[in-house]
Each structure stands twice: as structure tokens, then as C-alpha cells.
N, C-alpha and C. Protein backbone atom coordinates (compact mmCIF):
# COMPACT_ATOMS: atom_id res chain seq x y z
N UNK A 1 35.68 18.29 20.83
CA UNK A 1 36.04 18.84 19.59
C UNK A 1 35.62 18.02 18.28
N UNK A 2 34.85 18.32 17.38
CA UNK A 2 35.03 17.64 16.37
C UNK A 2 36.14 17.65 15.60
N UNK A 3 36.67 16.55 14.84
CA UNK A 3 37.64 16.61 13.75
C UNK A 3 37.12 16.91 12.17
N UNK A 4 37.48 17.75 11.52
CA UNK A 4 37.57 18.15 10.26
C UNK A 4 38.44 17.22 9.32
N UNK A 5 37.71 16.67 8.18
CA UNK A 5 38.15 15.89 7.30
C UNK A 5 38.07 16.38 6.16
N UNK A 6 39.27 16.35 5.27
CA UNK A 6 39.00 16.76 3.67
C UNK A 6 38.64 15.29 2.75
N UNK A 7 37.20 15.32 2.15
CA UNK A 7 36.98 14.31 1.55
C UNK A 7 36.93 14.68 -0.07
N UNK A 8 37.72 13.84 -0.81
CA UNK A 8 37.46 14.03 -2.41
C UNK A 8 36.21 13.74 -2.92
N UNK A 9 35.66 14.40 -3.39
CA UNK A 9 34.39 13.70 -4.43
C UNK A 9 34.49 14.46 -5.89
N UNK A 10 33.76 13.54 -6.91
CA UNK A 10 33.83 14.09 -8.42
C UNK A 10 32.80 14.58 -8.59
N UNK A 11 32.65 15.17 -9.38
CA UNK A 11 31.33 15.62 -9.64
C UNK A 11 31.70 16.60 -11.25
N UNK A 12 30.94 15.62 -12.31
CA UNK A 12 31.11 16.11 -13.66
C UNK A 12 32.44 15.69 -14.23
N UNK A 13 33.49 14.50 -13.63
CA UNK A 13 34.54 14.48 -14.06
C UNK A 13 35.68 15.53 -13.47
N UNK A 14 35.18 16.43 -12.47
CA UNK A 14 36.11 17.23 -11.87
C UNK A 14 36.24 16.58 -10.11
N UNK A 15 37.16 16.66 -9.47
CA UNK A 15 37.39 16.25 -8.21
C UNK A 15 37.38 17.44 -7.72
N UNK A 16 36.90 17.45 -6.68
CA UNK A 16 36.78 18.61 -5.48
C UNK A 16 37.33 17.92 -4.07
N UNK A 17 38.11 18.74 -3.06
CA UNK A 17 38.05 18.56 -1.84
C UNK A 17 37.41 19.50 -1.03
N UNK A 18 36.05 18.92 -0.21
CA UNK A 18 35.15 19.33 0.54
C UNK A 18 35.57 18.64 1.97
N UNK A 19 35.50 19.95 3.00
CA UNK A 19 35.71 19.57 4.40
C UNK A 19 34.63 19.16 5.04
N UNK A 20 34.40 18.10 5.99
CA UNK A 20 33.33 17.89 6.65
C UNK A 20 33.45 17.06 8.07
N UNK A 21 32.71 16.97 9.24
CA UNK A 21 32.77 16.62 10.29
C UNK A 21 33.00 15.32 10.00
N UNK A 22 33.85 14.29 11.08
CA UNK A 22 34.11 12.95 11.02
C UNK A 22 32.83 12.40 11.26
N UNK A 23 32.64 11.58 10.66
CA UNK A 23 31.33 10.61 10.67
C UNK A 23 30.51 10.92 9.72
N UNK A 24 30.37 12.18 9.18
CA UNK A 24 29.62 12.78 8.08
C UNK A 24 30.27 12.25 6.60
N UNK A 25 31.07 11.70 6.61
CA UNK A 25 31.77 11.51 5.14
C UNK A 25 30.72 10.74 4.59
N UNK A 26 29.72 9.74 4.73
CA UNK A 26 28.88 9.04 4.00
C UNK A 26 27.59 10.00 3.21
N UNK A 27 27.33 10.81 4.16
CA UNK A 27 26.33 11.79 4.02
C UNK A 27 26.75 12.70 2.70
N UNK A 28 28.03 12.91 3.05
CA UNK A 28 28.84 13.97 1.84
C UNK A 28 29.22 13.22 0.66
N UNK A 29 29.26 12.18 0.74
CA UNK A 29 29.56 11.20 -0.54
C UNK A 29 27.96 11.08 -1.52
N UNK A 30 27.01 10.70 -0.53
CA UNK A 30 25.98 10.44 -0.97
C UNK A 30 25.55 11.71 -2.04
N UNK A 31 25.49 12.91 -0.99
CA UNK A 31 24.76 14.21 -2.08
C UNK A 31 25.65 14.37 -2.98
N UNK A 32 27.02 14.50 -3.18
CA UNK A 32 27.79 14.47 -4.34
C UNK A 32 27.77 13.49 -5.27
N UNK A 33 27.40 12.37 -5.25
CA UNK A 33 26.90 11.18 -6.14
C UNK A 33 25.76 11.63 -6.83
N UNK A 34 24.69 12.42 -5.91
CA UNK A 34 23.61 13.00 -6.87
C UNK A 34 23.72 14.10 -7.46
N UNK A 35 24.76 15.17 -7.01
CA UNK A 35 24.59 16.19 -7.97
C UNK A 35 25.77 15.43 -9.32
N UNK A 36 26.67 14.95 -9.20
CA UNK A 36 27.49 14.17 -10.01
C UNK A 36 26.66 13.78 -11.33
N UNK A 37 25.27 13.06 -10.60
CA UNK A 37 24.31 12.40 -12.05
C UNK A 37 23.94 13.39 -12.40
N UNK A 38 23.52 14.33 -12.02
CA UNK A 38 22.72 15.39 -12.82
C UNK A 38 24.07 15.97 -13.58
N UNK A 39 25.27 16.44 -13.10
CA UNK A 39 26.34 17.11 -13.88
C UNK A 39 26.57 16.32 -15.07
N UNK A 40 27.11 14.62 -14.81
CA UNK A 40 27.10 13.95 -15.80
C UNK A 40 25.94 13.98 -17.37
N UNK A 41 25.01 14.27 -16.78
CA UNK A 41 23.89 14.45 -17.67
C UNK A 41 24.09 15.50 -18.77
N UNK A 42 24.46 16.68 -18.29
CA UNK A 42 24.58 18.03 -18.51
C UNK A 42 26.31 17.81 -19.45
N UNK A 43 27.25 16.87 -18.86
CA UNK A 43 28.18 16.68 -19.59
C UNK A 43 28.03 15.82 -21.16
N UNK A 44 27.23 14.67 -20.70
CA UNK A 44 27.02 13.99 -21.98
C UNK A 44 26.17 14.90 -22.61
N UNK A 45 25.07 15.92 -22.49
CA UNK A 45 24.54 16.77 -23.71
C UNK A 45 25.36 17.72 -24.14
N UNK A 46 26.15 18.42 -23.29
CA UNK A 46 26.52 19.61 -24.03
C UNK A 46 28.09 19.41 -24.04
N UNK A 47 28.70 18.64 -22.96
CA UNK A 47 30.24 18.80 -23.42
C UNK A 47 30.63 19.50 -22.19
N UNK A 48 32.10 19.79 -22.45
CA UNK A 48 32.49 20.48 -21.55
C UNK A 48 32.12 21.94 -21.15
N UNK A 49 32.03 22.39 -20.01
CA UNK A 49 31.84 23.67 -19.78
C UNK A 49 32.60 24.39 -18.27
N UNK A 50 32.20 25.54 -18.52
CA UNK A 50 32.95 26.03 -17.19
C UNK A 50 32.49 25.69 -15.64
N UNK A 51 33.27 25.13 -14.81
CA UNK A 51 32.73 24.45 -13.69
C UNK A 51 31.86 25.19 -13.03
N UNK A 52 31.87 26.55 -12.73
CA UNK A 52 30.69 27.32 -12.14
C UNK A 52 29.40 26.92 -12.84
N UNK A 53 29.28 26.86 -14.10
CA UNK A 53 28.52 26.85 -14.72
C UNK A 53 27.85 25.41 -14.62
N UNK A 54 28.45 24.40 -14.73
CA UNK A 54 28.23 23.04 -14.74
C UNK A 54 27.50 22.78 -13.37
N UNK A 55 28.42 23.58 -12.08
CA UNK A 55 27.80 23.07 -10.66
C UNK A 55 26.48 23.79 -10.46
N UNK A 56 26.20 25.04 -11.03
CA UNK A 56 25.08 25.73 -11.17
C UNK A 56 23.83 25.08 -11.82
N UNK A 57 24.15 24.60 -13.05
CA UNK A 57 23.04 23.84 -13.62
C UNK A 57 22.72 22.58 -12.83
N UNK A 58 23.86 21.85 -12.44
CA UNK A 58 23.55 20.54 -11.74
C UNK A 58 22.60 20.69 -10.99
N UNK A 59 22.94 21.98 -9.60
CA UNK A 59 22.34 22.13 -8.77
C UNK A 59 20.89 22.40 -8.91
N UNK A 60 20.66 22.88 -9.74
CA UNK A 60 19.13 23.76 -10.31
C UNK A 60 18.43 22.43 -10.82
N UNK A 61 18.95 21.42 -11.20
CA UNK A 61 18.41 20.37 -11.84
C UNK A 61 17.95 19.43 -10.58
N UNK A 62 18.88 19.28 -10.06
CA UNK A 62 18.69 18.46 -8.55
C UNK A 62 17.54 19.14 -7.75
N UNK A 63 17.48 20.55 -7.67
CA UNK A 63 16.66 21.32 -7.00
C UNK A 63 15.19 21.19 -7.56
N UNK A 64 14.97 21.22 -8.92
CA UNK A 64 13.99 20.65 -9.61
C UNK A 64 13.01 19.58 -9.13
N UNK A 65 14.24 18.44 -9.21
CA UNK A 65 14.02 17.20 -8.81
C UNK A 65 13.40 17.41 -7.53
N UNK A 66 14.25 17.70 -6.52
CA UNK A 66 13.65 17.72 -5.06
C UNK A 66 12.55 18.27 -4.91
N UNK A 67 12.33 19.55 -5.47
CA UNK A 67 11.01 20.13 -5.48
C UNK A 67 9.92 19.71 -5.91
N UNK A 68 9.72 18.56 -6.62
CA UNK A 68 8.51 17.72 -7.18
C UNK A 68 8.58 16.72 -6.36
N UNK A 69 9.63 16.22 -5.86
CA UNK A 69 9.41 14.71 -4.35
C UNK A 69 8.93 15.73 -3.59
N UNK A 70 9.27 16.78 -3.31
CA UNK A 70 8.50 17.45 -1.88
C UNK A 70 7.06 17.58 -2.19
N UNK A 71 6.57 17.93 -3.53
CA UNK A 71 5.17 18.49 -3.79
C UNK A 71 4.49 16.75 -3.73
N UNK A 72 5.11 15.96 -4.19
CA UNK A 72 4.49 14.19 -4.13
C UNK A 72 4.56 14.08 -2.69
N UNK A 73 5.40 14.33 -1.89
CA UNK A 73 5.56 14.28 -0.50
C UNK A 73 4.25 14.38 0.33
N UNK A 74 4.17 16.08 0.02
CA UNK A 74 2.74 16.64 0.46
C UNK A 74 1.90 16.17 0.17
N UNK A 75 1.65 15.52 -1.14
CA UNK A 75 -0.10 15.09 -1.61
C UNK A 75 0.03 13.84 -0.87
N UNK A 76 1.18 13.02 -0.45
CA UNK A 76 0.53 11.87 -0.10
C UNK A 76 0.83 11.94 1.53
N UNK A 77 1.02 13.00 2.26
CA UNK A 77 0.70 13.33 3.40
C UNK A 77 -0.56 13.70 3.65
N UNK A 78 -1.19 14.50 2.88
CA UNK A 78 -2.23 14.71 2.78
C UNK A 78 -3.49 13.88 2.40
N UNK A 79 -2.98 13.00 1.71
CA UNK A 79 -3.91 11.62 1.62
C UNK A 79 -3.69 10.82 2.84
N UNK A 80 -2.55 10.59 3.42
CA UNK A 80 -2.78 10.01 4.36
C UNK A 80 -3.46 10.52 5.32
N UNK A 81 -3.43 11.72 5.66
CA UNK A 81 -4.13 12.80 6.48
C UNK A 81 -5.61 12.39 6.13
N UNK A 82 -6.06 12.07 5.29
CA UNK A 82 -7.30 12.29 5.05
C UNK A 82 -7.98 10.68 5.40
N UNK A 83 -7.23 9.90 5.15
CA UNK A 83 -7.43 8.54 5.26
C UNK A 83 -7.70 8.45 6.60
N UNK A 84 -6.47 9.03 7.45
CA UNK A 84 -6.59 8.78 8.92
C UNK A 84 -7.72 9.20 9.68
N UNK A 85 -8.17 10.36 8.94
CA UNK A 85 -9.46 11.25 9.22
C UNK A 85 -10.53 10.34 9.17
N UNK A 86 -10.79 10.08 8.08
CA UNK A 86 -11.81 8.65 7.50
C UNK A 86 -11.78 7.49 8.57
N UNK A 87 -10.59 6.91 8.94
CA UNK A 87 -10.81 5.90 9.74
C UNK A 87 -11.04 6.21 10.87
N UNK A 88 -10.85 6.92 11.45
CA UNK A 88 -11.11 7.52 12.85
C UNK A 88 -12.62 7.59 12.67
N UNK A 89 -13.29 8.50 11.88
CA UNK A 89 -14.68 8.46 11.85
C UNK A 89 -15.46 7.37 11.61
N UNK A 90 -15.12 6.09 10.77
CA UNK A 90 -15.44 5.20 10.89
C UNK A 90 -15.49 4.26 12.22
N UNK A 91 -14.14 4.59 12.89
CA UNK A 91 -13.75 3.83 13.89
C UNK A 91 -14.78 4.78 15.22
N UNK A 92 -15.13 5.85 15.41
CA UNK A 92 -15.98 6.64 16.19
C UNK A 92 -17.72 6.06 16.07
N UNK A 93 -17.97 5.83 14.73
CA UNK A 93 -19.28 5.65 14.47
C UNK A 93 -20.06 4.63 15.47
N UNK A 94 -20.92 4.45 15.80
CA UNK A 94 -22.01 3.41 16.68
C UNK A 94 -22.21 2.29 15.78
N UNK A 95 -21.93 1.14 16.28
CA UNK A 95 -21.84 -0.02 15.44
C UNK A 95 -23.38 -0.19 14.93
N UNK A 96 -23.44 -1.05 13.53
CA UNK A 96 -24.98 -0.82 12.67
C UNK A 96 -25.92 -1.55 13.86
N UNK A 97 -27.06 -1.23 13.45
CA UNK A 97 -28.05 -2.23 13.93
C UNK A 97 -28.30 -3.65 13.71
N UNK A 98 -28.37 -4.46 14.64
CA UNK A 98 -28.26 -5.74 14.04
C UNK A 98 -29.60 -6.04 12.89
N UNK A 99 -29.12 -6.86 12.17
CA UNK A 99 -30.04 -7.46 11.02
C UNK A 99 -30.96 -8.58 11.41
N UNK A 100 -32.21 -8.40 11.47
CA UNK A 100 -33.14 -9.29 11.82
C UNK A 100 -33.34 -10.38 10.79
N UNK A 101 -33.04 -11.65 10.60
CA UNK A 101 -33.00 -12.43 9.67
C UNK A 101 -34.35 -13.25 9.59
N UNK A 102 -35.52 -13.45 9.21
CA UNK A 102 -36.56 -14.50 9.39
C UNK A 102 -36.20 -15.70 8.71
N UNK A 103 -36.52 -16.64 9.48
CA UNK A 103 -36.26 -18.25 8.97
C UNK A 103 -37.46 -18.68 8.64
N UNK A 104 -38.00 -18.80 7.44
CA UNK A 104 -39.27 -19.95 7.49
C UNK A 104 -39.35 -20.83 8.36
N UNK A 105 -40.51 -20.89 8.86
CA UNK A 105 -41.01 -22.32 9.83
C UNK A 105 -42.19 -23.36 9.34
N UNK A 106 -41.93 -24.53 9.25
CA UNK A 106 -42.70 -25.17 8.74
C UNK A 106 -43.76 -24.96 9.98
N UNK A 107 -45.35 -24.90 9.55
CA UNK A 107 -46.76 -25.07 10.37
C UNK A 107 -46.29 -26.31 11.27
N UNK A 108 -46.89 -26.37 12.42
CA UNK A 108 -46.74 -27.75 13.22
C UNK A 108 -48.08 -28.73 12.28
N UNK A 109 -49.16 -27.54 11.75
CA UNK A 109 -50.26 -28.86 11.29
C UNK A 109 -49.80 -29.42 9.95
N UNK A 110 -48.54 -28.49 9.36
CA UNK A 110 -47.93 -29.31 7.98
C UNK A 110 -47.21 -30.14 8.29
N UNK A 111 -46.25 -30.13 9.41
CA UNK A 111 -45.72 -31.22 10.09
C UNK A 111 -46.25 -32.45 10.37
N UNK A 112 -47.60 -32.24 10.86
CA UNK A 112 -48.33 -33.43 11.32
C UNK A 112 -48.88 -34.21 10.29
N UNK A 113 -49.41 -33.30 9.48
CA UNK A 113 -49.93 -34.04 8.25
C UNK A 113 -48.90 -34.58 7.25
N UNK A 114 -47.72 -34.43 7.14
CA UNK A 114 -46.68 -35.39 6.44
C UNK A 114 -46.41 -36.68 7.41
N UNK A 115 -46.16 -36.16 8.41
CA UNK A 115 -46.03 -37.47 9.24
C UNK A 115 -47.25 -38.38 9.29
N UNK A 116 -48.37 -37.82 9.02
CA UNK A 116 -49.47 -38.89 8.96
C UNK A 116 -49.64 -39.55 7.82
N UNK A 117 -49.49 -39.11 6.67
CA UNK A 117 -48.83 -39.57 5.54
C UNK A 117 -47.92 -40.57 4.96
N UNK A 118 -46.75 -40.11 5.94
CA UNK A 118 -45.87 -41.28 5.79
C UNK A 118 -46.11 -42.45 6.36
N UNK A 119 -47.02 -42.14 7.64
CA UNK A 119 -47.50 -43.36 8.31
C UNK A 119 -48.09 -44.31 7.50
N UNK A 120 -49.25 -43.67 7.01
CA UNK A 120 -50.25 -44.10 5.71
C UNK A 120 -49.53 -44.83 4.72
N UNK A 121 -48.57 -44.33 4.06
CA UNK A 121 -47.65 -44.94 3.34
C UNK A 121 -46.92 -46.16 3.48
N UNK A 122 -46.51 -45.97 4.61
CA UNK A 122 -45.98 -47.14 5.67
C UNK A 122 -47.06 -48.72 5.77
N UNK A 123 -47.84 -48.25 6.29
CA UNK A 123 -49.19 -49.07 6.25
C UNK A 123 -49.45 -49.57 4.96
N UNK A 124 -49.47 -48.93 4.15
CA UNK A 124 -50.02 -49.53 2.62
C UNK A 124 -49.02 -50.47 1.93
N UNK A 125 -47.36 -49.89 2.59
CA UNK A 125 -46.36 -50.87 1.65
C UNK A 125 -46.28 -52.44 2.51
N UNK A 126 -46.47 -51.81 3.91
CA UNK A 126 -46.94 -53.39 4.47
C UNK A 126 -48.11 -54.20 3.72
N UNK A 127 -48.89 -53.51 3.69
CA UNK A 127 -50.22 -54.52 3.22
C UNK A 127 -49.83 -54.94 1.88
N UNK A 128 -49.35 -54.18 1.32
CA UNK A 128 -48.79 -54.76 -0.06
C UNK A 128 -47.76 -56.14 -0.39
N UNK A 129 -46.81 -55.73 0.66
CA UNK A 129 -45.61 -56.79 1.01
C UNK A 129 -46.54 -57.98 1.56
N UNK A 130 -47.50 -57.84 2.51
CA UNK A 130 -48.10 -59.04 3.19
C UNK A 130 -48.74 -60.08 1.66
N UNK A 131 -49.74 -59.05 1.10
CA UNK A 131 -50.50 -59.75 0.04
C UNK A 131 -49.41 -60.34 -1.21
N UNK A 132 -48.39 -59.74 -1.28
CA UNK A 132 -47.27 -60.44 -2.42
C UNK A 132 -46.70 -61.74 -1.71
N UNK A 133 -46.66 -61.70 -0.20
CA UNK A 133 -45.78 -62.98 -0.01
C UNK A 133 -47.10 -63.95 0.25
N UNK A 134 -48.28 -63.39 0.41
CA UNK A 134 -49.47 -64.56 0.23
C UNK A 134 -49.83 -64.94 -0.69
N UNK A 135 -49.48 -64.34 -2.41
CA UNK A 135 -49.71 -65.06 -3.13
C UNK A 135 -48.83 -65.77 -3.72
């Protein structure tokens, strides 16, 4: 058996006693705070008005905000769904073919020619050294 509680809430500067189940007080207070915020806007803009009208107008303003948020949530969910589909499609695709990269290779005859030139240069350098030391 659940216990009913009477919780005082304030909306638009007016206090109301509202019944709720034990453990649900915080949800009621949070909801009342949202409604009170809208009612305060009305009170600040229009001033004092009949209770029923204030509650109706504040409720409609809150419902309008809620409808806008629900639309944005639907759009975000649709976008998320599209992204998930695209991700699944990309994951299911076969991997791309490997790319063949050609690295230039110096032909053996060029390497041999360079080695021979280097050997000749070393021989010439030795000859020059020997002639210099002899003089």
C-alpha cells in the first residue's frame, strides 16, 4: 500500500497543496518549478490574473516548449539513425584493394659505374698525394 503525501508547491506566487505518492515528491517539485518559471514570466509581463488563466497560459507555454524539444529530439534521433546506418554500411564494405607503390631502383650497371668512378677518384687522390709528398 502506497502512502499519499500532500506537498506544497508555489506557482506564480500562489501556493497549492498537491497529493503525490511517497518517493515522488522530487518529481512533483521539479515539474512545479518548470510551471512556476512560465507563470512568473506571465506575472512579470501581465501582472496579477485569475488563477485558472495563469495556470492555463503557463501550461500552454510549457507545452509549446516541450513540443519544440520533442521535435528537436526526433530530428536528433533521425540524424543518429542515419549516422548509424552509414557507419554500418562502411563497416560492411570490403576493405579497399591494396595500393601498389613502386619504389625506384637504381639499375645495377649505374651502381657499378658509380663504384668504378669512385675507385678511380680514390686512385687519382692517392697519386696526387704521392706526387705532393715527393716534391
